[in-house]
Amino acid sequence: MAASRAAGAAGAGALTGVPGRAGVCTVAGVSRVPLSDLVRLRRARDAMDRDYAQPLDVPALARIALMSPGHFSRSFRSAYGETPYGYLMTRRIERAKALLRRGDLSVTEVCMEVGCTSLGSFSSRFTELVGESPSVYRARDHGDGAAIPACIAKIHTRPIRNGEAKSPAGP
């Protein structure tokens, strides 16, 4: 039974059943992942969204998903297009941006608040995703966005994954 369901206006995130393979899906053109695995992967991804500040590693996330660490990592990357660590760090950087915009915490305090244990790794990843260092981002005036509701600001300030950040002086 092959069925399609569009999840976005341009078909981004489309969920497609595969004929002859009951319970197997393709998400946005990424590899096929069994529906039962998608449910368990979503449980682990929800845990990362909720508990981003906790010490989470692949074995702990694999236990949440009821999978072996190797199968979990491969399935997560296949389903979501990035590694579990990459996804978790993106969530942490997203939260760090919100805390840095407030301006009442130092970069080190923000680093620890979002669950990172190494200031160097945090700063490197932040710079890779955002395009500027946490110190520069914190020092920049964010007054223009003060009147924007947090739920909307989160969408427009979401870090770009996979090193696609543009420099602040760019277009």
Protein backbone atom coordinates (compact mmCIF):
# COMPACT_ATOMS: atom_id res chain seq x y z
CA MET A 1 0.00 0.00 0.00
CA ALA A 2 1.86 3.06 -1.26
CA ALA A 3 0.73 6.41 0.07
CA SER A 4 2.19 9.91 0.04
CA ARG A 5 1.66 12.78 2.39
CA ALA A 6 3.22 16.20 1.83
CA ALA A 7 4.50 17.81 5.00
CA GLY A 8 5.30 21.16 3.46
CA ALA A 9 4.22 23.45 0.65
CA ALA A 10 7.15 22.45 -1.56
CA GLY A 11 7.05 18.80 -0.51
CA ALA A 12 9.91 19.22 1.98
CA GLY A 13 9.71 16.50 4.57
CA ALA A 14 7.42 14.35 2.43
CA LEU A 15 6.71 10.93 3.88
CA THR A 16 6.40 8.26 1.21
CA GLY A 17 5.43 4.63 1.57
CA VAL A 18 7.41 2.18 -0.53
CA PRO A 19 5.47 -0.43 -2.55
CA GLY A 20 6.16 -3.94 -1.37
CA ARG A 21 7.90 -2.74 1.79
CA ALA A 22 5.20 -2.25 4.40
CA GLY A 23 6.27 0.10 7.17
CA VAL A 24 9.28 1.61 5.34
CA CYS A 25 9.43 5.34 4.66
CA THR A 26 11.53 7.83 2.79
CA VAL A 27 11.69 11.26 4.42
CA ALA A 28 12.61 14.17 2.12
CA GLY A 29 14.54 11.89 -0.20
CA VAL A 30 16.75 10.52 2.58
CA SER A 31 17.32 6.76 2.91
CA ARG A 32 14.53 4.37 3.80
CA VAL A 33 13.93 3.88 7.52
CA PRO A 34 11.35 1.45 8.95
CA LEU A 35 8.41 3.18 10.61
CA SER A 36 9.09 1.33 13.86
CA ASP A 37 12.61 2.83 13.88
CA LEU A 38 11.26 6.32 13.10
CA VAL A 39 9.02 6.14 16.16
CA ARG A 40 11.95 5.17 18.37
CA LEU A 41 14.28 7.72 16.77
CA ARG A 42 11.69 10.42 17.40
CA ARG A 43 11.63 9.44 21.08
CA ALA A 44 15.41 10.02 21.26
CA ARG A 45 15.18 13.27 19.28
CA ASP A 46 12.46 14.52 21.64
CA ALA A 47 14.76 13.69 24.57
CA MET A 48 17.52 15.78 22.95
CA ASP A 49 15.10 18.69 22.45
CA ARG A 50 13.89 18.48 26.04
CA ASP A 51 17.11 17.56 27.90
CA TYR A 52 19.72 19.33 25.73
CA ALA A 53 21.53 20.63 28.85
CA GLN A 54 21.98 17.13 30.30
CA PRO A 55 25.04 15.02 29.50
CA LEU A 56 23.70 13.01 26.56
CA ASP A 57 25.85 10.65 24.51
CA VAL A 58 25.07 8.14 21.77
CA PRO A 59 24.81 5.11 24.11
CA ALA A 60 22.33 6.97 26.36
CA LEU A 61 20.27 8.11 23.37
CA ALA A 62 20.39 4.61 21.87
CA ARG A 63 18.95 3.23 25.12
CA ILE A 64 16.08 5.72 24.87
CA ALA A 65 15.46 4.54 21.28
CA LEU A 66 15.81 0.87 22.31
CA MET A 67 18.60 0.34 19.75
CA SER A 68 22.28 -0.53 19.74
CA PRO A 69 24.52 2.57 19.57
CA GLY A 70 25.75 1.73 16.06
CA HIS A 71 22.28 1.07 14.66
CA PHE A 72 20.97 4.21 16.37
CA SER A 73 23.68 6.43 14.85
CA ARG A 74 23.22 5.02 11.35
CA SER A 75 19.43 5.17 11.53
CA PHE A 76 19.40 8.71 12.97
CA ARG A 77 21.68 9.99 10.23
CA SER A 78 19.63 8.21 7.59
CA ALA A 79 16.33 9.57 8.92
CA TYR A 80 17.35 13.14 9.79
CA GLY A 81 20.36 13.82 7.57
CA GLU A 82 22.78 14.53 10.41
CA THR A 83 24.43 12.74 13.29
CA PRO A 84 22.85 12.64 16.75
CA TYR A 85 25.74 14.76 18.07
CA GLY A 86 25.26 17.33 15.30
CA TYR A 87 21.55 17.59 16.07
CA LEU A 88 22.17 17.94 19.81
CA MET A 89 24.81 20.63 19.31
CA THR A 90 22.47 22.57 17.02
CA ARG A 91 19.81 22.55 19.76
CA ARG A 92 22.41 23.69 22.31
CA ILE A 93 23.64 26.52 20.08
CA GLU A 94 20.04 27.56 19.41
CA ARG A 95 19.45 27.92 23.16
CA ALA A 96 22.84 29.59 23.65
CA LYS A 97 21.89 32.27 21.12
CA ALA A 98 18.78 33.09 23.15
CA LEU A 99 20.78 33.31 26.40
CA LEU A 100 23.50 35.45 24.78
CA ARG A 101 20.89 37.84 23.37
CA ARG A 102 19.67 38.45 26.93
CA GLY A 103 23.17 39.61 27.82
CA ASP A 104 23.06 38.83 31.55
CA LEU A 105 25.33 35.74 31.39
CA SER A 106 28.96 35.45 30.33
CA VAL A 107 29.91 33.20 27.42
CA THR A 108 31.34 30.65 29.87
CA GLU A 109 28.12 30.61 31.91
CA VAL A 110 26.06 30.16 28.74
CA CYS A 111 28.36 27.34 27.63
CA MET A 112 27.77 25.46 30.89
CA GLU A 113 24.05 26.34 30.98
CA VAL A 114 23.39 24.64 27.64
CA GLY A 115 25.25 21.47 28.60
CA CYS A 116 28.63 21.97 26.96
CA THR A 117 31.66 21.12 29.09
CA SER A 118 34.38 22.61 26.88
CA LEU A 119 34.38 26.34 26.19
CA GLY A 120 36.70 25.81 23.21
CA SER A 121 34.44 23.21 21.56
CA PHE A 122 31.38 25.34 22.29
CA SER A 123 32.97 28.46 20.76
CA SER A 124 34.18 26.56 17.69
CA ARG A 125 30.78 24.99 17.03
CA PHE A 126 28.97 28.28 17.72
CA THR A 127 31.23 30.11 15.25
CA GLU A 128 30.76 27.34 12.66
CA LEU A 129 26.95 27.46 12.88
CA VAL A 130 26.34 31.16 13.51
CA GLY A 131 29.19 32.75 11.57
CA GLU A 132 30.58 34.79 14.48
CA SER A 133 32.05 34.00 17.88
CA PRO A 134 29.81 33.86 20.97
CA SER A 135 31.53 36.97 22.38
CA VAL A 136 30.85 38.99 19.23
CA TYR A 137 27.27 37.70 19.06
CA ARG A 138 26.68 38.65 22.72
CA ALA A 139 28.17 42.13 22.26
CA ARG A 140 26.08 42.88 19.16
CA ASP A 141 22.91 44.94 19.64
CA HIS A 142 19.83 42.71 19.59
CA GLY A 143 17.35 45.50 20.32
CA ASP A 144 15.67 45.16 16.91
CA GLY A 145 14.35 41.74 17.87
CA ALA A 146 13.18 42.69 21.37
CA ALA A 147 9.56 43.20 20.27
CA ILE A 148 9.41 39.88 18.42
CA PRO A 149 7.77 36.99 20.32
CA ALA A 150 10.27 34.31 21.36
CA CYS A 151 8.57 31.59 19.29
CA ILE A 152 9.03 33.67 16.12
CA ALA A 153 12.56 34.80 17.02
CA LYS A 154 13.53 31.15 17.49
CA ILE A 155 12.53 30.35 13.90
CA HIS A 156 14.44 33.26 12.38
CA THR A 157 17.56 32.86 14.53
CA ARG A 158 17.85 29.06 14.25
CA PRO A 159 21.46 28.03 13.63
CA ILE A 160 22.20 26.71 10.16
CA ARG A 161 23.58 23.19 10.20
CA ASN A 162 26.52 21.73 8.30
CA GLY A 163 28.70 24.87 8.22
CA GLU A 164 26.40 26.90 5.97
CA ALA A 165 26.60 30.04 8.11
CA LYS A 166 27.18 33.29 6.28
CA SER A 167 29.31 36.06 7.69
CA PRO A 168 27.31 38.89 9.35
CA ALA A 169 28.64 41.35 6.75
CA GLY A 170 27.33 39.17 3.89
CA PRO A 171 24.06 39.60 1.94
